C-alpha atoms as a PDB file:
ATOM      1  CA  UNK A   1     137.178 124.591  60.471  1.00  0.00           C
ATOM      2  CA  UNK A   2     134.415 124.543  57.822  1.00  0.00           C
ATOM      3  CA  UNK A   3     132.012 127.440  56.987  1.00  0.00           C
ATOM      4  CA  UNK A   4     128.958 125.922  58.958  1.00  0.00           C
ATOM      5  CA  UNK A   5     131.460 125.737  62.147  1.00  0.00           C
ATOM      6  CA  UNK A   6     132.514 129.446  61.497  1.00  0.00           C
ATOM      7  CA  UNK A   7     128.717 130.571  61.594  1.00  0.00           C
ATOM      8  CA  UNK A   8     128.063 128.631  64.649  1.00  0.00           C
ATOM      9  CA  UNK A   9     130.825 130.127  66.478  1.00  0.00           C
ATOM     10  CA  UNK A  10     129.492 133.658  65.379  1.00  0.00           C
ATOM     11  CA  UNK A  11     126.126 132.658  66.674  1.00  0.00           C
ATOM     12  CA  UNK A  12     127.100 131.738  69.921  1.00  0.00           C
ATOM     13  CA  UNK A  13     129.540 134.524  70.675  1.00  0.00           C
ATOM     14  CA  UNK A  14     126.421 136.862  69.764  1.00  0.00           C
ATOM     15  CA  UNK A  15     124.347 134.830  72.026  1.00  0.00           C
ATOM     16  CA  UNK A  16     126.975 135.307  74.576  1.00  0.00           C
ATOM     17  CA  UNK A  17     127.337 139.164  74.167  1.00  0.00           C
ATOM     18  CA  UNK A  18     123.736 139.654  74.281  1.00  0.00           C
ATOM     19  CA  UNK A  19     123.525 137.356  77.703  1.00  0.00           C
ATOM     20  CA  UNK A  20     126.179 139.644  79.033  1.00  0.00           C
ATOM     21  CA  UNK A  21     124.929 143.219  78.053  1.00  0.00           C
ATOM     22  CA  UNK A  22     121.128 142.294  79.009  1.00  0.00           C
ATOM     23  CA  UNK A  23     122.674 141.654  82.589  1.00  0.00           C
ATOM     24  CA  UNK A  24     124.483 145.022  83.063  1.00  0.00           C
ATOM     25  CA  UNK A  25     123.012 146.448  86.301  1.00  0.00           C
ATOM     26  CA  UNK A  26     122.101 150.467  85.598  1.00  0.00           C
ATOM     27  CA  UNK A  27     124.650 151.553  87.521  1.00  0.00           C
ATOM     28  CA  UNK A  28     127.551 149.458  86.171  1.00  0.00           C
ATOM     29  CA  UNK A  29     127.905 151.388  82.596  1.00  0.00           C
ATOM     30  CA  UNK A  30     130.548 153.711  84.084  1.00  0.00           C
ATOM     31  CA  UNK A  31     132.516 150.925  85.595  1.00  0.00           C
ATOM     32  CA  UNK A  32     136.344 150.376  84.502  1.00  0.00           C
ATOM     33  CA  UNK A  33     136.933 147.059  82.403  1.00  0.00           C
ATOM     34  CA  UNK A  34     139.972 144.991  81.622  1.00  0.00           C
ATOM     35  CA  UNK A  35     140.120 147.771  78.410  1.00  0.00           C
ATOM     36  CA  UNK A  36     142.473 149.962  79.965  1.00  0.00           C
ATOM     37  CA  UNK A  37     140.723 153.570  80.175  1.00  0.00           C
ATOM     38  CA  UNK A  38     137.655 152.258  79.143  1.00  0.00           C
ATOM     39  CA  UNK A  39     134.003 152.026  80.608  1.00  0.00           C
ATOM     40  CA  UNK A  40     131.428 149.340  80.277  1.00  0.00           C
ATOM     41  CA  UNK A  41     129.468 151.747  78.109  1.00  0.00           C
ATOM     42  CA  UNK A  42     132.570 152.393  75.692  1.00  0.00           C
ATOM     43  CA  UNK A  43     133.239 148.394  75.508  1.00  0.00           C
ATOM     44  CA  UNK A  44     129.908 147.998  74.614  1.00  0.00           C
ATOM     45  CA  UNK A  45     129.925 150.876  71.925  1.00  0.00           C
ATOM     46  CA  UNK A  46     133.129 149.675  70.520  1.00  0.00           C
ATOM     47  CA  UNK A  47     131.721 146.285  70.037  1.00  0.00           C
ATOM     48  CA  UNK A  48     128.742 147.219  68.684  1.00  0.00           C
ATOM     49  CA  UNK A  49     130.519 149.630  66.042  1.00  0.00           C
ATOM     50  CA  UNK A  50     132.916 146.664  65.486  1.00  0.00           C
ATOM     51  CA  UNK A  51     130.164 144.452  64.593  1.00  0.00           C
ATOM     52  CA  UNK A  52     128.208 146.856  62.597  1.00  0.00           C
ATOM     53  CA  UNK A  53     131.485 147.248  60.628  1.00  0.00           C
ATOM     54  CA  UNK A  54     131.439 143.354  59.831  1.00  0.00           C
ATOM     55  CA  UNK A  55     128.049 143.172  58.531  1.00  0.00           C
ATOM     56  CA  UNK A  56     128.490 146.848  56.558  1.00  0.00           C
ATOM     57  CA  UNK A  57     131.584 145.819  54.926  1.00  0.00           C
ATOM     58  CA  UNK A  58     129.893 142.598  52.860  1.00  0.00           C
ATOM     59  CA  UNK A  59     127.699 145.471  51.188  1.00  0.00           C
ATOM     60  CA  UNK A  60     130.552 147.698  50.726  1.00  0.00           C
ATOM     61  CA  UNK A  61     129.907 150.119  53.350  1.00  0.00           C
ATOM     62  CA  UNK A  62     131.627 151.178  56.398  1.00  0.00           C
ATOM     63  CA  UNK A  63     130.032 152.418  59.830  1.00  0.00           C
ATOM     64  CA  UNK A  64     129.972 156.037  60.465  1.00  0.00           C
ATOM     65  CA  UNK A  65     131.712 155.805  64.058  1.00  0.00           C
ATOM     66  CA  UNK A  66     135.247 154.840  64.772  1.00  0.00           C
ATOM     67  CA  UNK A  67     135.223 151.810  67.181  1.00  0.00           C
ATOM     68  CA  UNK A  68     138.692 152.956  68.507  1.00  0.00           C
ATOM     69  CA  UNK A  69     137.149 156.116  69.820  1.00  0.00           C
ATOM     70  CA  UNK A  70     133.706 155.035  71.372  1.00  0.00           C
ATOM     71  CA  UNK A  71     131.121 157.179  72.280  1.00  0.00           C
ATOM     72  CA  UNK A  72     130.802 157.489  76.492  1.00  0.00           C
ATOM     73  CA  UNK A  73     126.954 157.830  75.724  1.00  0.00           C
ATOM     74  CA  UNK A  74     124.275 155.086  74.991  1.00  0.00           C
ATOM     75  CA  UNK A  75     121.233 156.281  72.753  1.00  0.00           C
ATOM     76  CA  UNK A  76     118.355 153.981  73.144  1.00  0.00           C
ATOM     77  CA  UNK A  77     118.375 150.737  74.700  1.00  0.00           C
ATOM     78  CA  UNK A  78     121.536 149.287  75.116  1.00  0.00           C
ATOM     79  CA  UNK A  79     120.386 145.858  74.300  1.00  0.00           C
ATOM     80  CA  UNK A  80     118.014 146.853  71.087  1.00  0.00           C
ATOM     81  CA  UNK A  81     120.810 148.878  69.957  1.00  0.00           C
ATOM     82  CA  UNK A  82     123.414 145.818  70.062  1.00  0.00           C
ATOM     83  CA  UNK A  83     120.820 143.658  68.468  1.00  0.00           C
ATOM     84  CA  UNK A  84     120.447 145.545  65.279  1.00  0.00           C
ATOM     85  CA  UNK A  85     124.135 145.502  64.778  1.00  0.00           C
ATOM     86  CA  UNK A  86     124.423 141.635  65.415  1.00  0.00           C
ATOM     87  CA  UNK A  87     121.283 141.016  63.473  1.00  0.00           C
ATOM     88  CA  UNK A  88     122.948 142.810  60.465  1.00  0.00           C
ATOM     89  CA  UNK A  89     126.252 140.533  60.804  1.00  0.00           C
ATOM     90  CA  UNK A  90     124.281 137.361  60.914  1.00  0.00           C
ATOM     91  CA  UNK A  91     121.938 138.251  58.266  1.00  0.00           C
ATOM     92  CA  UNK A  92     124.848 139.217  55.778  1.00  0.00           C
ATOM     93  CA  UNK A  93     126.600 135.900  56.560  1.00  0.00           C
ATOM     94  CA  UNK A  94     123.183 134.078  56.180  1.00  0.00           C
ATOM     95  CA  UNK A  95     122.681 135.358  52.801  1.00  0.00           C
ATOM     96  CA  UNK A  96     126.340 134.597  51.394  1.00  0.00           C
ATOM     97  CA  UNK A  97     126.336 132.291  48.453  1.00  0.00           C
ATOM     98  CA  UNK A  98     126.641 128.737  49.400  1.00  0.00           C
ATOM     99  CA  UNK A  99     130.008 128.182  47.353  1.00  0.00           C
ATOM    100  CA  UNK A 100     131.258 131.689  48.778  1.00  0.00           C
ATOM    101  CA  UNK A 101     135.461 131.055  49.553  1.00  0.00           C
ATOM    102  CA  UNK A 102     136.799 134.586  50.466  1.00  0.00           C
ATOM    103  CA  UNK A 103     134.774 137.266  52.224  1.00  0.00           C
ATOM    104  CA  UNK A 104     135.461 140.960  53.003  1.00  0.00           C
ATOM    105  CA  UNK A 105     136.143 141.983  56.582  1.00  0.00           C
ATOM    106  CA  UNK A 106     137.324 145.251  58.003  1.00  0.00           C
ATOM    107  CA  UNK A 107     140.771 143.317  57.975  1.00  0.00           C
ATOM    108  CA  UNK A 108     140.560 142.612  54.275  1.00  0.00           C
ATOM    109  CA  UNK A 109     139.157 139.267  52.589  1.00  0.00           C
ATOM    110  CA  UNK A 110     139.344 136.243  54.538  1.00  0.00           C
ATOM    111  CA  UNK A 111     138.150 132.746  53.791  1.00  0.00           C
ATOM    112  CA  UNK A 112     134.370 132.419  55.176  1.00  0.00           C
ATOM    113  CA  UNK A 113     135.256 130.331  58.365  1.00  0.00           C
ATOM    114  CA  UNK A 114     138.244 132.492  59.761  1.00  0.00           C
ATOM    115  CA  UNK A 115     136.143 135.734  58.694  1.00  0.00           C
ATOM    116  CA  UNK A 116     133.214 134.364  60.945  1.00  0.00           C
ATOM    117  CA  UNK A 117     135.561 133.247  63.536  1.00  0.00           C
ATOM    118  CA  UNK A 118     137.027 136.600  63.796  1.00  0.00           C
ATOM    119  CA  UNK A 119     133.787 138.465  64.079  1.00  0.00           C
ATOM    120  CA  UNK A 120     133.139 135.922  66.591  1.00  0.00           C
ATOM    121  CA  UNK A 121     136.626 136.672  68.672  1.00  0.00           C
ATOM    122  CA  UNK A 122     135.469 140.567  68.705  1.00  0.00           C
ATOM    123  CA  UNK A 123     132.168 139.940  70.121  1.00  0.00           C
ATOM    124  CA  UNK A 124     133.134 137.325  72.531  1.00  0.00           C
ATOM    125  CA  UNK A 125     136.211 139.003  74.306  1.00  0.00           C
ATOM    126  CA  UNK A 126     133.975 142.201  74.593  1.00  0.00           C
ATOM    127  CA  UNK A 127     131.363 140.166  76.154  1.00  0.00           C
ATOM    128  CA  UNK A 128     134.014 138.671  78.683  1.00  0.00           C
ATOM    129  CA  UNK A 129     135.585 142.112  79.356  1.00  0.00           C
ATOM    130  CA  UNK A 130     131.418 143.433  80.375  1.00  0.00           C
ATOM    131  CA  UNK A 131     131.004 140.451  82.073  1.00  0.00           C
ATOM    132  CA  UNK A 132     134.446 140.710  84.157  1.00  0.00           C
ATOM    133  CA  UNK A 133     133.761 144.526  84.885  1.00  0.00           C
ATOM    134  CA  UNK A 134     130.311 143.811  86.176  1.00  0.00           C
ATOM    135  CA  UNK A 135     131.082 140.752  88.141  1.00  0.00           C
ATOM    136  CA  UNK A 136     128.840 138.345  85.885  1.00  0.00           C
ATOM    137  CA  UNK A 137     129.582 134.568  86.402  1.00  0.00           C
ATOM    138  CA  UNK A 138     129.538 134.206  82.994  1.00  0.00           C
ATOM    139  CA  UNK A 139     133.100 133.135  81.439  1.00  0.00           C
ATOM    140  CA  UNK A 140     134.318 132.697  78.008  1.00  0.00           C
ATOM    141  CA  UNK A 141     133.507 128.758  77.794  1.00  0.00           C
ATOM    142  CA  UNK A 142     136.247 126.626  76.440  1.00  0.00           C
ATOM    143  CA  UNK A 143     134.013 125.547  73.493  1.00  0.00           C
ATOM    144  CA  UNK A 144     133.289 129.097  72.391  1.00  0.00           C
ATOM    145  CA  UNK A 145     137.452 129.614  72.716  1.00  0.00           C
ATOM    146  CA  UNK A 146     138.367 126.564  70.772  1.00  0.00           C
ATOM    147  CA  UNK A 147     136.103 127.871  67.739  1.00  0.00           C
ATOM    148  CA  UNK A 148     137.894 131.174  68.079  1.00  0.00           C
ATOM    149  CA  UNK A 149     141.538 129.997  68.044  1.00  0.00           C
ATOM    150  CA  UNK A 150     142.033 129.785  64.363  1.00  0.00           C
ATOM    151  CA  UNK A 151     141.372 133.438  63.831  1.00  0.00           C
ATOM    152  CA  UNK A 152     143.390 134.172  66.593  1.00  0.00           C
ATOM    153  CA  UNK A 153     146.418 131.954  65.240  1.00  0.00           C
ATOM    154  CA  UNK A 154     145.819 133.522  61.943  1.00  0.00           C
ATOM    155  CA  UNK A 155     145.336 137.361  62.695  1.00  0.00           C
ATOM    156  CA  UNK A 156     146.219 138.320  66.441  1.00  0.00           C
ATOM    157  CA  UNK A 157     150.077 138.694  66.012  1.00  0.00           C
ATOM    158  CA  UNK A 158     149.893 140.652  62.676  1.00  0.00           C
ATOM    159  CA  UNK A 159     147.329 143.150  64.154  1.00  0.00           C
ATOM    160  CA  UNK A 160     149.258 143.648  67.281  1.00  0.00           C
ATOM    161  CA  UNK A 161     152.294 144.276  65.239  1.00  0.00           C
ATOM    162  CA  UNK A 162     150.793 146.457  62.315  1.00  0.00           C
ATOM    163  CA  UNK A 163     147.953 148.442  64.088  1.00  0.00           C
ATOM    164  CA  UNK A 164     148.511 147.759  68.011  1.00  0.00           C
ATOM    165  CA  UNK A 165     144.844 146.565  68.225  1.00  0.00           C
ATOM    166  CA  UNK A 166     145.496 143.875  71.159  1.00  0.00           C
ATOM    167  CA  UNK A 167     147.761 144.488  74.130  1.00  0.00           C
ATOM    168  CA  UNK A 168     151.150 142.339  74.162  1.00  0.00           C
ATOM    169  CA  UNK A 169     150.247 138.619  75.217  1.00  0.00           C
ATOM    170  CA  UNK A 170     150.310 137.745  78.519  1.00  0.00           C
ATOM    171  CA  UNK A 171     151.927 134.536  79.682  1.00  0.00           C
ATOM    172  CA  UNK A 172     150.293 131.367  79.739  1.00  0.00           C
ATOM    173  CA  UNK A 173     150.551 128.821  82.574  1.00  0.00           C
ATOM    174  CA  UNK A 174     149.830 125.243  82.737  1.00  0.00           C
ATOM    175  CA  UNK A 175     146.885 125.732  84.924  1.00  0.00           C
ATOM    176  CA  UNK A 176     145.072 127.915  82.235  1.00  0.00           C
ATOM    177  CA  UNK A 177     142.139 126.089  80.531  1.00  0.00           C
ATOM    178  CA  UNK A 178     141.747 127.003  76.675  1.00  0.00           C
ATOM    179  CA  UNK A 179     139.673 129.906  77.071  1.00  0.00           C
ATOM    180  CA  UNK A 180     141.948 131.536  79.928  1.00  0.00           C
ATOM    181  CA  UNK A 181     144.749 130.889  77.365  1.00  0.00           C
ATOM    182  CA  UNK A 182     143.008 132.716  74.678  1.00  0.00           C
ATOM    183  CA  UNK A 183     142.097 135.579  76.892  1.00  0.00           C
ATOM    184  CA  UNK A 184     145.941 135.591  77.827  1.00  0.00           C
ATOM    185  CA  UNK A 185     147.035 135.765  74.346  1.00  0.00           C
ATOM    186  CA  UNK A 186     144.630 138.390  73.469  1.00  0.00           C
ATOM    187  CA  UNK A 187     146.363 140.371  76.646  1.00  0.00           C
ATOM    188  CA  UNK A 188     143.992 140.104  79.295  1.00  0.00           C
ATOM    189  CA  UNK A 189     144.504 138.735  82.712  1.00  0.00           C
ATOM    190  CA  UNK A 190     142.001 135.956  82.768  1.00  0.00           C
ATOM    191  CA  UNK A 191     141.509 136.565  86.423  1.00  0.00           C
ATOM    192  CA  UNK A 192     140.954 140.175  85.999  1.00  0.00           C
ATOM    193  CA  UNK A 193     138.670 141.678  88.732  1.00  0.00           C
ATOM    194  CA  UNK A 194     137.650 145.432  89.412  1.00  0.00           C
ATOM    195  CA  UNK A 195     139.885 147.271  91.657  1.00  0.00           C
ATOM    196  CA  UNK A 196     139.111 146.673  95.284  1.00  0.00           C
ATOM    197  CA  UNK A 197     136.778 143.913  94.637  1.00  0.00           C
END
């Protein structure tokens, strides 16, 4: 994966997250999600803080909130607040030197394409969580999943073992496409639906 490909994957994942959040019905923010015990509102706050961290760490800073204890409130317009975090990440990556090799991330220094794909993985998977929870027909696309796989292959098992960031991987069946396989690898049932739906 080249640096340019990594940035393109990050841009596509941000677009996906924006699109999904913009389509959340006002009545759905408290709905349950595939992230056990987290509501749609909490997943959005988690995703926003995570993306904020990817942007801030490029300047040696850290977000003021813990992404693993996301607030159950939304301050301001959700789309606008999310956009601030996504723009900061995009701007940070856009202004890196052309010859940069390793860049800082919340997970430590990583090669630029993997760093960008890791931020993309976080954004895209939480977009899928919100889409699934709110009944949106906005699947995680196969092309986007393909761009995220290098980061998943490199980091997810280590994060699962060391930090328990991801649920255990689920079985991947022969019928799964690349996006469904990625979701299962990240501990999500690709066919998850809200209880009773």
